[in-house]
């Protein structure tokens, strides 16, 4: 069959227009939702971080089932590029701090977004810490740092507090800094991260403080 020049030109023009769309379609993987918990064993009242990774969703993730079993705290968002099934995709990341409402084995998930459902994860919530356990010197570390050790009266100072713990902590066991003698404003409180290499959970607090009296800045631990 001989294609007329005008028809050939039109066909090439349509292919050029469709080219970017075809390239984009080749990068889209099957929609998916994946759940991961940073710990599988915590104490009642403690926070555990739920990580949600999603690809190609057309609808928002319904957090209703999650709210039924846990109180939801801070959330952070991000993205990363990954190769899945041989295709380059954008993976959306979401980290949610949750506090399970019940003790025992708590099942988290599945969560859904339209017709797409996630996997499930589980965490064992202890009513109290195991009676036969006491922390060793490497299991619990508290560090406090100030931007200036000998400030003037009402001079602004940055106070950073970091607690590293190997095992779960009950919420009411969290250290409360003694900020008497200071005017203080929290910048962030209980910012949690997981140091998998060291096997430690880290909780950070930052305050802006202004001393009410002169002399060396001493904050009881």
N, C-alpha and C. Protein backbone atom coordinates (compact mmCIF):
# COMPACT_ATOMS: atom_id res chain seq x y z
N UNK A 1 0.86 -1.19 0.00
CA UNK A 1 0.00 0.00 0.00
C UNK A 1 0.89 1.24 0.00
N UNK A 2 0.57 2.21 -0.84
CA UNK A 2 1.33 3.46 -0.92
C UNK A 2 0.57 4.54 -0.17
N UNK A 3 1.24 5.16 0.82
CA UNK A 3 0.59 6.20 1.62
C UNK A 3 0.83 7.55 0.96
N UNK A 4 -0.22 8.29 0.77
CA UNK A 4 -0.11 9.61 0.19
C UNK A 4 0.74 10.52 1.08
N UNK A 5 1.47 11.46 0.50
CA UNK A 5 2.34 12.36 1.29
C UNK A 5 1.59 13.11 2.39
N UNK A 6 0.38 13.60 2.08
CA UNK A 6 -0.37 14.36 3.09
C UNK A 6 -0.76 13.47 4.26
N UNK A 7 -1.17 12.22 3.94
CA UNK A 7 -1.57 11.29 5.00
C UNK A 7 -0.36 10.87 5.83
N UNK A 8 0.78 10.67 5.16
CA UNK A 8 2.01 10.32 5.87
C UNK A 8 2.42 11.43 6.82
N UNK A 9 2.35 12.66 6.36
CA UNK A 9 2.72 13.79 7.22
C UNK A 9 1.81 13.89 8.43
N UNK A 10 0.50 13.65 8.21
CA UNK A 10 -0.46 13.71 9.32
C UNK A 10 -0.17 12.61 10.33
N UNK A 11 0.17 11.41 9.84
CA UNK A 11 0.46 10.29 10.74
C UNK A 11 1.69 10.58 11.59
N UNK A 12 2.74 11.14 10.96
CA UNK A 12 3.94 11.48 11.71
C UNK A 12 3.66 12.55 12.75
N UNK A 13 2.81 13.53 12.38
CA UNK A 13 2.47 14.61 13.31
C UNK A 13 1.74 14.05 14.53
N UNK A 14 0.81 13.10 14.32
CA UNK A 14 0.07 12.50 15.43
C UNK A 14 0.99 11.68 16.32
N UNK A 15 1.97 11.00 15.72
CA UNK A 15 2.92 10.23 16.53
C UNK A 15 3.77 11.13 17.40
N UNK A 16 4.16 12.29 16.85
CA UNK A 16 4.94 13.25 17.65
C UNK A 16 4.13 13.74 18.83
N UNK A 17 2.84 14.04 18.59
CA UNK A 17 1.99 14.49 19.69
C UNK A 17 1.78 13.41 20.72
N UNK A 18 1.66 12.16 20.27
CA UNK A 18 1.39 11.06 21.20
C UNK A 18 2.63 10.60 21.92
N UNK A 19 3.82 10.94 21.37
CA UNK A 19 5.06 10.43 21.94
C UNK A 19 5.23 10.69 23.42
N UNK A 20 5.13 11.94 23.90
CA UNK A 20 5.29 12.20 25.33
C UNK A 20 4.28 11.46 26.17
N UNK A 21 3.04 11.35 25.67
CA UNK A 21 2.03 10.63 26.43
C UNK A 21 2.36 9.17 26.56
N UNK A 22 2.88 8.58 25.45
CA UNK A 22 3.27 7.17 25.50
C UNK A 22 4.43 6.98 26.46
N UNK A 23 5.37 7.94 26.47
CA UNK A 23 6.51 7.82 27.40
C UNK A 23 6.05 7.90 28.83
N UNK A 24 5.09 8.82 29.11
CA UNK A 24 4.59 8.93 30.47
C UNK A 24 3.87 7.66 30.88
N UNK A 25 3.08 7.11 29.97
CA UNK A 25 2.33 5.89 30.29
C UNK A 25 3.26 4.75 30.63
N UNK A 26 4.45 4.73 29.98
CA UNK A 26 5.38 3.64 30.24
C UNK A 26 5.98 3.72 31.62
N UNK A 27 5.92 4.91 32.26
CA UNK A 27 6.53 5.06 33.58
C UNK A 27 5.54 4.81 34.71
N UNK A 28 4.26 4.60 34.41
CA UNK A 28 3.26 4.43 35.45
C UNK A 28 3.15 2.96 35.83
N UNK A 29 3.32 2.65 37.10
CA UNK A 29 3.20 1.28 37.57
C UNK A 29 1.79 1.07 38.11
N UNK A 30 1.47 -0.16 38.46
CA UNK A 30 0.16 -0.46 39.02
C UNK A 30 -0.02 0.29 40.33
N UNK A 31 -1.18 0.89 40.59
CA UNK A 31 -1.41 1.60 41.85
C UNK A 31 -1.21 0.66 43.04
N UNK A 32 -0.60 1.16 44.10
CA UNK A 32 -0.34 0.32 45.27
C UNK A 32 -0.21 1.16 46.52
N UNK A 33 -0.46 0.52 47.67
CA UNK A 33 -0.27 1.13 48.99
C UNK A 33 0.47 0.11 49.84
N UNK A 34 1.53 0.54 50.51
CA UNK A 34 2.31 -0.35 51.37
C UNK A 34 2.44 0.27 52.76
N UNK A 35 2.18 -0.53 53.80
CA UNK A 35 2.29 -0.08 55.19
C UNK A 35 3.49 -0.72 55.86
N UNK A 36 4.13 0.05 56.77
CA UNK A 36 5.22 -0.48 57.58
C UNK A 36 5.21 0.22 58.93
N UNK A 37 5.36 -0.55 60.01
CA UNK A 37 5.47 0.01 61.36
C UNK A 37 6.93 -0.03 61.78
N UNK A 38 7.39 1.03 62.47
CA UNK A 38 8.79 1.09 62.86
C UNK A 38 9.11 0.12 64.00
N UNK A 39 8.09 -0.38 64.70
CA UNK A 39 8.31 -1.31 65.80
C UNK A 39 7.15 -2.29 65.85
N UNK A 40 7.44 -3.51 66.29
CA UNK A 40 6.37 -4.50 66.42
C UNK A 40 6.00 -4.76 67.88
N UNK A 41 6.58 -3.96 68.81
CA UNK A 41 6.31 -4.17 70.24
C UNK A 41 6.51 -2.85 70.96
N UNK A 42 5.46 -2.33 71.58
CA UNK A 42 5.54 -1.08 72.32
C UNK A 42 4.78 -1.23 73.63
N UNK A 43 4.90 -0.21 74.48
CA UNK A 43 4.18 -0.18 75.74
C UNK A 43 2.98 0.76 75.59
N UNK A 44 1.89 0.44 76.26
CA UNK A 44 0.67 1.24 76.17
C UNK A 44 0.97 2.72 76.45
N UNK A 45 0.48 3.58 75.59
CA UNK A 45 0.72 5.01 75.73
C UNK A 45 1.88 5.51 74.89
N UNK A 46 2.69 4.59 74.36
CA UNK A 46 3.82 5.01 73.55
C UNK A 46 3.37 5.23 72.11
N UNK A 47 4.17 5.99 71.39
CA UNK A 47 3.89 6.28 69.99
C UNK A 47 4.67 5.34 69.09
N UNK A 48 4.04 4.91 68.02
CA UNK A 48 4.74 4.13 67.00
C UNK A 48 4.49 4.83 65.66
N UNK A 49 5.50 4.84 64.81
CA UNK A 49 5.39 5.52 63.53
C UNK A 49 4.94 4.54 62.45
N UNK A 50 3.87 4.92 61.74
CA UNK A 50 3.37 4.15 60.60
C UNK A 50 3.86 4.82 59.32
N UNK A 51 4.56 4.06 58.50
CA UNK A 51 5.04 4.56 57.22
C UNK A 51 4.12 4.05 56.11
N UNK A 52 3.65 4.96 55.28
CA UNK A 52 2.77 4.62 54.16
C UNK A 52 3.46 5.03 52.87
N UNK A 53 3.65 4.07 51.96
CA UNK A 53 4.18 4.35 50.64
C UNK A 53 3.08 4.07 49.62
N UNK A 54 2.88 4.98 48.69
CA UNK A 54 1.83 4.80 47.69
C UNK A 54 2.33 5.19 46.31
N UNK A 55 1.77 4.53 45.31
CA UNK A 55 2.14 4.77 43.91
C UNK A 55 0.86 4.84 43.07
N UNK A 56 0.73 5.89 42.27
CA UNK A 56 -0.30 5.97 41.25
C UNK A 56 -1.73 5.97 41.74
N UNK A 57 -2.00 6.57 42.89
CA UNK A 57 -3.37 6.58 43.42
C UNK A 57 -4.19 7.69 42.79
N UNK A 58 -5.44 7.39 42.47
CA UNK A 58 -6.36 8.39 41.95
C UNK A 58 -7.28 8.96 43.03
N UNK A 59 -7.28 8.34 44.21
CA UNK A 59 -8.14 8.77 45.32
C UNK A 59 -7.30 8.88 46.58
N UNK A 60 -7.70 9.73 47.54
CA UNK A 60 -6.96 9.84 48.80
C UNK A 60 -7.12 8.58 49.64
N UNK A 61 -6.13 8.33 50.49
CA UNK A 61 -6.18 7.17 51.37
C UNK A 61 -7.16 7.45 52.51
N UNK A 62 -8.06 6.53 52.75
CA UNK A 62 -9.05 6.65 53.82
C UNK A 62 -8.42 6.23 55.14
N UNK A 63 -8.26 7.19 56.06
CA UNK A 63 -7.66 6.90 57.36
C UNK A 63 -8.69 6.56 58.42
N UNK A 64 -9.96 6.41 58.03
CA UNK A 64 -11.01 6.08 58.99
C UNK A 64 -10.70 4.84 59.80
N UNK A 65 -10.31 3.71 59.17
CA UNK A 65 -10.00 2.50 59.95
C UNK A 65 -8.84 2.71 60.92
N UNK A 66 -7.90 3.60 60.56
CA UNK A 66 -6.77 3.87 61.44
C UNK A 66 -7.22 4.67 62.66
N UNK A 67 -8.10 5.64 62.46
CA UNK A 67 -8.60 6.45 63.58
C UNK A 67 -9.44 5.61 64.54
N UNK A 68 -10.01 4.52 64.05
CA UNK A 68 -10.81 3.66 64.93
C UNK A 68 -9.95 2.94 65.96
N UNK A 69 -8.69 2.69 65.64
CA UNK A 69 -7.84 1.89 66.53
C UNK A 69 -6.73 2.68 67.20
N UNK A 70 -6.52 3.94 66.77
CA UNK A 70 -5.39 4.69 67.31
C UNK A 70 -5.65 6.19 67.23
N UNK A 71 -5.02 6.91 68.16
CA UNK A 71 -4.99 8.37 68.08
C UNK A 71 -3.89 8.76 67.10
N UNK A 72 -4.18 9.71 66.23
CA UNK A 72 -3.23 10.12 65.20
C UNK A 72 -2.54 11.41 65.62
N UNK A 73 -1.22 11.40 65.55
CA UNK A 73 -0.43 12.58 65.91
C UNK A 73 0.12 13.27 64.68
N UNK A 74 1.38 13.66 64.75
CA UNK A 74 2.00 14.41 63.66
C UNK A 74 2.17 13.56 62.40
N UNK A 75 2.13 14.25 61.27
CA UNK A 75 2.33 13.61 59.97
C UNK A 75 3.41 14.36 59.20
N UNK A 76 4.22 13.62 58.47
CA UNK A 76 5.20 14.21 57.56
C UNK A 76 5.04 13.56 56.19
N UNK A 77 5.42 14.32 55.14
CA UNK A 77 5.22 13.85 53.78
C UNK A 77 6.52 13.98 53.00
N UNK A 78 6.64 13.18 51.94
CA UNK A 78 7.79 13.26 51.06
C UNK A 78 7.57 12.43 49.82
N UNK A 79 8.54 12.46 48.92
CA UNK A 79 8.49 11.64 47.71
C UNK A 79 9.88 11.11 47.41
N UNK A 80 9.92 10.04 46.65
CA UNK A 80 11.19 9.52 46.14
C UNK A 80 10.93 8.86 44.79
N UNK A 81 11.98 8.73 44.01
CA UNK A 81 11.90 8.07 42.71
C UNK A 81 12.41 6.64 42.87
N UNK A 82 11.67 5.69 42.31
CA UNK A 82 12.05 4.28 42.42
C UNK A 82 11.78 3.58 41.09
N UNK A 83 12.41 2.43 40.92
CA UNK A 83 12.15 1.58 39.76
C UNK A 83 11.36 0.38 40.25
N UNK A 84 10.12 0.26 39.81
CA UNK A 84 9.23 -0.83 40.20
C UNK A 84 8.75 -1.54 38.95
N UNK A 85 8.94 -2.85 38.92
CA UNK A 85 8.55 -3.65 37.76
C UNK A 85 9.19 -3.11 36.48
N UNK A 86 10.43 -2.64 36.62
CA UNK A 86 11.15 -2.13 35.46
C UNK A 86 10.73 -0.76 35.00
N UNK A 87 9.91 -0.06 35.79
CA UNK A 87 9.42 1.26 35.41
C UNK A 87 9.83 2.30 36.45
N UNK A 88 10.11 3.50 36.00
CA UNK A 88 10.46 4.59 36.91
C UNK A 88 9.17 5.23 37.41
N UNK A 89 9.01 5.28 38.73
CA UNK A 89 7.78 5.81 39.31
C UNK A 89 8.11 6.77 40.45
N UNK A 90 7.16 7.63 40.76
CA UNK A 90 7.26 8.51 41.93
C UNK A 90 6.51 7.85 43.09
N UNK A 91 7.21 7.60 44.16
CA UNK A 91 6.62 6.99 45.35
C UNK A 91 6.33 8.08 46.37
N UNK A 92 5.10 8.18 46.80
CA UNK A 92 4.73 9.16 47.81
C UNK A 92 4.89 8.54 49.20
N UNK A 93 5.54 9.28 50.08
CA UNK A 93 5.84 8.80 51.43
C UNK A 93 5.03 9.59 52.45
N UNK A 94 4.54 8.89 53.44
CA UNK A 94 3.76 9.54 54.50
C UNK A 94 4.09 8.84 55.82
N UNK A 95 4.51 9.60 56.81
CA UNK A 95 4.82 9.04 58.14
C UNK A 95 3.82 9.63 59.14
N UNK A 96 3.14 8.75 59.87
CA UNK A 96 2.12 9.18 60.82
C UNK A 96 2.45 8.60 62.19
N UNK A 97 2.49 9.46 63.20
CA UNK A 97 2.67 8.99 64.57
C UNK A 97 1.31 8.57 65.12
N UNK A 98 1.21 7.32 65.60
CA UNK A 98 -0.05 6.82 66.13
C UNK A 98 0.16 6.26 67.53
N UNK A 99 -0.89 6.36 68.34
CA UNK A 99 -0.90 5.77 69.68
C UNK A 99 -2.08 4.80 69.74
N UNK A 100 -1.82 3.48 69.71
CA UNK A 100 -2.92 2.51 69.75
C UNK A 100 -3.80 2.69 70.98
N UNK A 101 -5.11 2.50 70.81
CA UNK A 101 -6.06 2.71 71.91
C UNK A 101 -6.16 1.50 72.84
N UNK A 102 -5.84 0.31 72.34
CA UNK A 102 -6.01 -0.91 73.12
C UNK A 102 -4.67 -1.60 73.33
N UNK A 103 -4.62 -2.47 74.33
CA UNK A 103 -3.44 -3.30 74.54
C UNK A 103 -3.64 -4.64 73.84
N UNK A 104 -2.57 -5.43 73.78
CA UNK A 104 -2.63 -6.70 73.08
C UNK A 104 -2.14 -6.57 71.65
N UNK A 105 -2.55 -7.52 70.82
CA UNK A 105 -2.15 -7.49 69.41
C UNK A 105 -3.07 -6.56 68.64
N UNK A 106 -2.49 -5.50 68.08
CA UNK A 106 -3.26 -4.50 67.33
C UNK A 106 -2.92 -4.64 65.85
N UNK A 107 -3.94 -4.84 65.03
CA UNK A 107 -3.76 -4.96 63.58
C UNK A 107 -3.99 -3.59 62.94
N UNK A 108 -3.01 -3.13 62.18
CA UNK A 108 -3.10 -1.86 61.48
C UNK A 108 -3.28 -2.14 59.99
N UNK A 109 -4.40 -1.68 59.42
CA UNK A 109 -4.68 -1.94 58.02
C UNK A 109 -5.62 -3.11 57.85
N UNK A 110 -6.02 -3.36 56.60
CA UNK A 110 -5.61 -2.62 55.42
C UNK A 110 -6.26 -1.24 55.32
N UNK A 111 -5.57 -0.32 54.65
CA UNK A 111 -6.11 0.99 54.32
C UNK A 111 -6.39 1.03 52.82
N UNK A 112 -7.40 1.79 52.44
CA UNK A 112 -7.83 1.80 51.04
C UNK A 112 -7.86 3.20 50.46
N UNK A 113 -7.68 3.26 49.15
CA UNK A 113 -7.85 4.48 48.37
C UNK A 113 -8.62 4.08 47.11
N UNK A 114 -9.92 4.28 47.13
CA UNK A 114 -10.73 3.79 46.04
C UNK A 114 -10.73 2.27 46.02
N UNK A 115 -10.33 1.68 44.90
CA UNK A 115 -10.30 0.22 44.77
C UNK A 115 -8.97 -0.38 45.18
N UNK A 116 -8.01 0.45 45.58
CA UNK A 116 -6.67 -0.02 45.94
C UNK A 116 -6.59 -0.22 47.44
N UNK A 117 -6.12 -1.38 47.88
CA UNK A 117 -5.99 -1.68 49.31
C UNK A 117 -4.54 -2.01 49.65
N UNK A 118 -4.18 -1.74 50.90
CA UNK A 118 -2.82 -1.98 51.36
C UNK A 118 -2.70 -3.35 52.03
N UNK A 119 -1.50 -3.64 52.46
CA UNK A 119 -1.25 -4.79 53.33
C UNK A 119 -1.64 -4.43 54.76
N UNK A 120 -1.50 -5.34 55.67
CA UNK A 120 -1.74 -5.10 57.10
C UNK A 120 -0.43 -5.28 57.87
N UNK A 121 -0.32 -4.59 58.99
CA UNK A 121 0.81 -4.74 59.90
C UNK A 121 0.26 -4.93 61.30
N UNK A 122 1.08 -5.46 62.19
CA UNK A 122 0.63 -5.68 63.56
C UNK A 122 1.67 -5.18 64.55
N UNK A 123 1.19 -4.76 65.71
CA UNK A 123 2.06 -4.33 66.80
C UNK A 123 1.48 -4.87 68.10
N UNK A 124 2.34 -5.40 68.94
CA UNK A 124 1.93 -5.87 70.26
C UNK A 124 2.07 -4.73 71.25
N UNK A 125 0.96 -4.36 71.89
CA UNK A 125 0.95 -3.25 72.84
C UNK A 125 0.91 -3.83 74.25
N UNK A 126 1.99 -3.64 74.99
CA UNK A 126 2.09 -4.16 76.35
C UNK A 126 1.38 -3.22 77.33
N UNK A 127 0.68 -3.82 78.30
CA UNK A 127 -0.01 -3.00 79.29
C UNK A 127 0.98 -2.28 80.19
N UNK A 128 2.15 -2.88 80.41
CA UNK A 128 3.21 -2.27 81.23
C UNK A 128 4.54 -2.87 80.81
N UNK A 129 5.64 -2.23 81.16
CA UNK A 129 6.94 -2.78 80.78
C UNK A 129 7.16 -4.15 81.41
N UNK A 130 7.92 -5.04 80.74
CA UNK A 130 8.22 -6.35 81.33
C UNK A 130 8.87 -6.19 82.69
N UNK A 131 8.41 -6.92 83.73
CA UNK A 131 8.94 -6.73 85.08
C UNK A 131 10.38 -7.16 85.26
N UNK A 132 10.87 -8.01 84.38
CA UNK A 132 12.23 -8.52 84.54
C UNK A 132 13.26 -7.73 83.75
N UNK A 133 12.87 -6.55 83.26
CA UNK A 133 13.80 -5.77 82.44
C UNK A 133 14.12 -4.45 83.11
N UNK A 134 15.40 -4.10 83.09
CA UNK A 134 15.82 -2.77 83.54
C UNK A 134 16.86 -2.28 82.54
N UNK A 135 16.81 -1.00 82.18
CA UNK A 135 17.72 -0.50 81.14
C UNK A 135 19.17 -0.50 81.58
N UNK A 136 20.05 -0.83 80.65
CA UNK A 136 21.47 -0.75 80.89
C UNK A 136 22.00 0.61 80.48
N UNK A 137 23.30 0.85 80.66
CA UNK A 137 23.86 2.18 80.35
C UNK A 137 23.76 2.55 78.88
N UNK A 138 23.68 1.55 78.00
CA UNK A 138 23.58 1.84 76.56
C UNK A 138 22.15 1.82 76.06
N UNK A 139 21.18 1.58 76.95
CA UNK A 139 19.79 1.48 76.54
C UNK A 139 19.03 2.80 76.65
N UNK A 140 19.57 3.74 77.42
CA UNK A 140 18.87 5.00 77.66
C UNK A 140 19.89 6.12 77.78
N UNK A 141 19.80 7.12 76.90
CA UNK A 141 20.76 8.22 76.90
C UNK A 141 20.00 9.53 76.75
N UNK A 142 20.35 10.49 77.59
CA UNK A 142 19.74 11.81 77.53
C UNK A 142 20.84 12.85 77.36
N UNK A 143 20.73 13.65 76.31
CA UNK A 143 21.74 14.67 76.02
C UNK A 143 21.04 16.02 75.88
N UNK A 144 21.60 17.05 76.52
CA UNK A 144 21.09 18.41 76.39
C UNK A 144 22.20 19.32 75.89
N UNK A 145 21.89 20.16 74.91
CA UNK A 145 22.87 21.09 74.35
C UNK A 145 22.27 22.49 74.30
N UNK A 146 23.11 23.49 74.57
CA UNK A 146 22.67 24.88 74.47
C UNK A 146 23.59 25.61 73.50
N UNK A 147 23.05 26.61 72.82
CA UNK A 147 23.85 27.36 71.84
C UNK A 147 24.85 28.30 72.52
N UNK A 148 24.61 28.63 73.80
CA UNK A 148 25.54 29.47 74.54
C UNK A 148 25.45 29.12 76.01
N UNK A 149 26.60 28.83 76.62
CA UNK A 149 26.60 28.34 78.00
C UNK A 149 26.50 29.46 79.04
N UNK A 150 26.93 30.68 78.68
CA UNK A 150 26.92 31.78 79.65
C UNK A 150 26.27 33.02 79.04
N UNK A 151 24.99 32.96 78.76
CA UNK A 151 24.31 34.09 78.11
C UNK A 151 24.04 35.23 79.08
N UNK A 152 23.73 36.39 78.51
CA UNK A 152 23.28 37.52 79.30
C UNK A 152 21.81 37.33 79.67
N UNK A 153 21.35 38.14 80.59
CA UNK A 153 19.93 38.09 80.96
C UNK A 153 19.08 38.41 79.74
N UNK A 154 18.09 37.58 79.49
CA UNK A 154 17.14 37.71 78.38
C UNK A 154 17.80 37.61 77.00
N UNK A 155 18.99 37.01 76.95
CA UNK A 155 19.60 36.71 75.65
C UNK A 155 19.05 35.38 75.14
N UNK A 156 18.69 35.35 73.86
CA UNK A 156 18.07 34.14 73.30
C UNK A 156 19.09 33.01 73.18
N UNK A 157 18.67 31.83 73.64
CA UNK A 157 19.51 30.63 73.59
C UNK A 157 18.67 29.49 73.01
N UNK A 158 19.30 28.68 72.16
CA UNK A 158 18.64 27.48 71.63
C UNK A 158 18.98 26.29 72.53
N UNK A 159 17.95 25.62 73.02
CA UNK A 159 18.13 24.44 73.87
C UNK A 159 17.64 23.22 73.10
N UNK A 160 18.55 22.25 72.88
CA UNK A 160 18.20 20.98 72.23
C UNK A 160 18.31 19.85 73.25
N UNK A 161 17.28 19.02 73.30
CA UNK A 161 17.26 17.86 74.18
C UNK A 161 17.01 16.63 73.31
N UNK A 162 17.84 15.60 73.48
CA UNK A 162 17.66 14.36 72.71
C UNK A 162 17.67 13.17 73.66
N UNK A 163 16.64 12.36 73.55
CA UNK A 163 16.53 11.13 74.33
C UNK A 163 16.65 9.96 73.37
N UNK A 164 17.63 9.09 73.60
CA UNK A 164 17.78 7.87 72.80
C UNK A 164 17.45 6.68 73.69
N UNK A 165 16.53 5.84 73.23
CA UNK A 165 16.14 4.68 74.04
C UNK A 165 16.01 3.45 73.15
N UNK A 166 16.48 2.32 73.67
CA UNK A 166 16.49 1.08 72.90
C UNK A 166 15.16 0.36 72.98
N UNK A 167 14.44 0.54 74.07
CA UNK A 167 13.18 -0.16 74.30
C UNK A 167 12.05 0.85 74.45
N UNK A 168 10.80 0.42 74.22
CA UNK A 168 9.67 1.35 74.32
C UNK A 168 9.57 1.99 75.70
N UNK A 169 9.03 3.20 75.73
CA UNK A 169 8.82 3.93 76.98
C UNK A 169 7.34 4.25 77.14
N UNK A 170 6.86 4.18 78.36
CA UNK A 170 5.50 4.63 78.66
C UNK A 170 5.49 6.15 78.55
N UNK A 171 4.38 6.70 78.04
CA UNK A 171 4.32 8.14 77.79
C UNK A 171 4.62 8.96 79.04
N UNK A 172 4.12 8.51 80.21
CA UNK A 172 4.32 9.33 81.41
C UNK A 172 5.73 9.17 81.98
N UNK A 173 6.59 8.37 81.34
CA UNK A 173 7.98 8.26 81.78
C UNK A 173 8.90 9.19 81.00
N UNK A 174 8.33 9.94 80.06
CA UNK A 174 9.14 10.86 79.28
C UNK A 174 9.74 11.93 80.19
N UNK A 175 11.01 12.28 79.99
CA UNK A 175 11.61 13.31 80.83
C UNK A 175 11.00 14.68 80.56
N UNK A 176 10.80 15.44 81.60
CA UNK A 176 10.28 16.80 81.47
C UNK A 176 11.37 17.76 81.93
N UNK A 177 11.92 18.58 81.04
CA UNK A 177 13.01 19.46 81.45
C UNK A 177 12.55 20.51 82.45
N UNK A 178 13.42 20.81 83.40
CA UNK A 178 13.13 21.85 84.39
C UNK A 178 13.57 23.19 83.82
N UNK A 179 12.62 23.95 83.35
CA UNK A 179 12.92 25.23 82.71
C UNK A 179 12.60 26.41 83.62
N UNK A 180 12.56 26.16 84.92
CA UNK A 180 12.33 27.25 85.86
C UNK A 180 13.52 28.22 85.78
N UNK A 181 13.22 29.49 85.88
CA UNK A 181 14.26 30.50 85.73
C UNK A 181 14.49 30.91 84.29
N UNK A 182 13.67 30.35 83.39
CA UNK A 182 13.80 30.67 81.97
C UNK A 182 12.44 31.02 81.38
N UNK A 183 12.42 31.94 80.45
CA UNK A 183 11.26 32.11 79.58
C UNK A 183 11.50 31.18 78.40
N UNK A 184 10.53 30.32 78.09
CA UNK A 184 10.76 29.28 77.09
C UNK A 184 9.61 29.20 76.10
N UNK A 185 9.96 28.97 74.84
CA UNK A 185 8.98 28.75 73.77
C UNK A 185 9.39 27.49 73.03
N UNK A 186 8.51 26.47 72.93
CA UNK A 186 8.88 25.25 72.20
C UNK A 186 8.93 25.50 70.69
N UNK A 187 9.97 25.00 70.05
CA UNK A 187 10.08 25.03 68.58
C UNK A 187 9.48 23.76 68.01
N UNK A 188 9.90 22.61 68.54
CA UNK A 188 9.23 21.35 68.24
C UNK A 188 9.38 20.43 69.44
N UNK A 189 8.41 19.55 69.63
CA UNK A 189 8.40 18.64 70.76
C UNK A 189 8.19 17.22 70.28
N UNK A 190 8.93 16.30 70.87
CA UNK A 190 8.81 14.87 70.57
C UNK A 190 8.91 14.58 69.08
N UNK A 191 9.95 15.11 68.45
CA UNK A 191 10.22 14.75 67.05
C UNK A 191 10.95 13.41 67.06
N UNK A 192 10.29 12.38 66.54
CA UNK A 192 10.79 11.01 66.69
C UNK A 192 11.44 10.51 65.40
N UNK A 193 12.57 9.83 65.56
CA UNK A 193 13.24 9.17 64.44
C UNK A 193 13.72 7.81 64.91
N UNK A 194 13.97 6.94 63.94
CA UNK A 194 14.43 5.59 64.24
C UNK A 194 15.84 5.43 63.68
N UNK A 195 16.79 5.13 64.57
CA UNK A 195 18.18 4.88 64.18
C UNK A 195 18.35 3.37 64.08
N UNK A 196 18.07 2.81 62.89
CA UNK A 196 18.09 1.36 62.74
C UNK A 196 19.49 0.79 62.93
N UNK A 197 20.51 1.52 62.50
CA UNK A 197 21.88 1.02 62.62
C UNK A 197 22.28 0.84 64.08
N UNK A 198 21.91 1.81 64.92
CA UNK A 198 22.24 1.72 66.35
C UNK A 198 21.19 0.98 67.16
N UNK A 199 20.04 0.69 66.54
CA UNK A 199 18.97 0.01 67.27
C UNK A 199 18.32 0.89 68.31
N UNK A 200 18.29 2.21 68.05
CA UNK A 200 17.75 3.16 69.03
C UNK A 200 16.63 3.98 68.41
N UNK A 201 15.67 4.32 69.24
CA UNK A 201 14.67 5.32 68.88
C UNK A 201 15.12 6.65 69.48
N UNK A 202 15.02 7.70 68.74
CA UNK A 202 15.46 9.01 69.21
C UNK A 202 14.29 9.98 69.24
N UNK A 203 14.18 10.71 70.33
CA UNK A 203 13.13 11.72 70.48
C UNK A 203 13.83 13.05 70.77
N UNK A 204 13.48 14.08 70.00
CA UNK A 204 14.17 15.36 70.13
C UNK A 204 13.18 16.46 70.47
N UNK A 205 13.63 17.36 71.33
CA UNK A 205 12.88 18.56 71.68
C UNK A 205 13.78 19.76 71.40
N UNK A 206 13.21 20.87 70.97
CA UNK A 206 13.97 22.11 70.82
C UNK A 206 13.16 23.26 71.40
N UNK A 207 13.84 24.09 72.18
CA UNK A 207 13.20 25.26 72.79
C UNK A 207 14.05 26.50 72.51
N UNK A 208 13.39 27.64 72.43
CA UNK A 208 14.06 28.93 72.53
C UNK A 208 13.87 29.40 73.96
N UNK A 209 14.97 29.71 74.64
CA UNK A 209 14.88 30.11 76.05
C UNK A 209 15.60 31.44 76.25
N UNK A 210 15.12 32.19 77.25
CA UNK A 210 15.71 33.47 77.62
C UNK A 210 15.92 33.47 79.14
N UNK A 211 17.17 33.44 79.61
CA UNK A 211 17.43 33.40 81.05
C UNK A 211 16.91 34.65 81.76
N UNK A 212 16.39 34.43 82.97
CA UNK A 212 15.90 35.55 83.77
C UNK A 212 16.97 36.11 84.70
N UNK A 213 18.08 35.38 84.79
CA UNK A 213 19.18 35.86 85.65
C UNK A 213 20.50 35.55 84.97
N UNK A 214 21.55 36.25 85.38
CA UNK A 214 22.86 36.08 84.76
C UNK A 214 23.58 34.88 85.35
N UNK A 215 24.70 34.53 84.73
CA UNK A 215 25.49 33.40 85.21
C UNK A 215 25.42 32.22 84.25
N UNK A 216 26.13 31.15 84.61
CA UNK A 216 26.16 29.95 83.78
C UNK A 216 24.76 29.36 83.66
N UNK A 217 24.43 28.91 82.47
CA UNK A 217 23.11 28.33 82.22
C UNK A 217 23.14 26.86 82.61
N UNK A 218 22.39 26.51 83.64
CA UNK A 218 22.33 25.14 84.14
C UNK A 218 20.88 24.67 84.07
N UNK A 219 20.66 23.55 83.39
CA UNK A 219 19.32 22.98 83.27
C UNK A 219 19.36 21.58 83.87
N UNK A 220 18.68 21.34 84.99
CA UNK A 220 18.71 20.02 85.61
C UNK A 220 18.20 18.95 84.66
N UNK A 221 18.86 17.78 84.63
CA UNK A 221 18.45 16.67 83.77
C UNK A 221 17.44 15.78 84.44
